[in-house]
Amino acid sequence: MAQAPHPYFAVWATDRADALERRTRVREEHRRRLRDAHECGVRVLHGGPTLEAQDQHMNGTLLIVQAATLQAVQQFIEGDPYVREGVYDSVVIRPWAWGLGRPPA
């Protein structure tokens, strides 16, 4: 199977336990960067915070990113305000094969 010219990646980030104040403080900067991701050579197709089941507080991030390489996604994430401010405890980036619900090209 040939690789797509612009593969997709799932980014799953989990916040540190004490990160809510930092997350809230830089959230607008983070969201601006996601909207302007093309300037970094990636395209964020879907994204949003993950939530605590009991109280719905933000506790992480899930992104679907389109990019030429895994390295491009890694560089983009490394420059994120949440990373810079120490919001995330962990970040996992995986190549992702979009199956159901894929938007039209």
Foldseek 3Di string as FASTA:
>chain_A
DDDDQWFKKKKKFFFDPPQLVVCVVCVVVQVVCQPVVVVLQKHWPDKDFDADPPPRRGTIMITMMIHRDPVSVVVSVCPGSCNVSRGTPDMDMDTDDDDPPDDDD
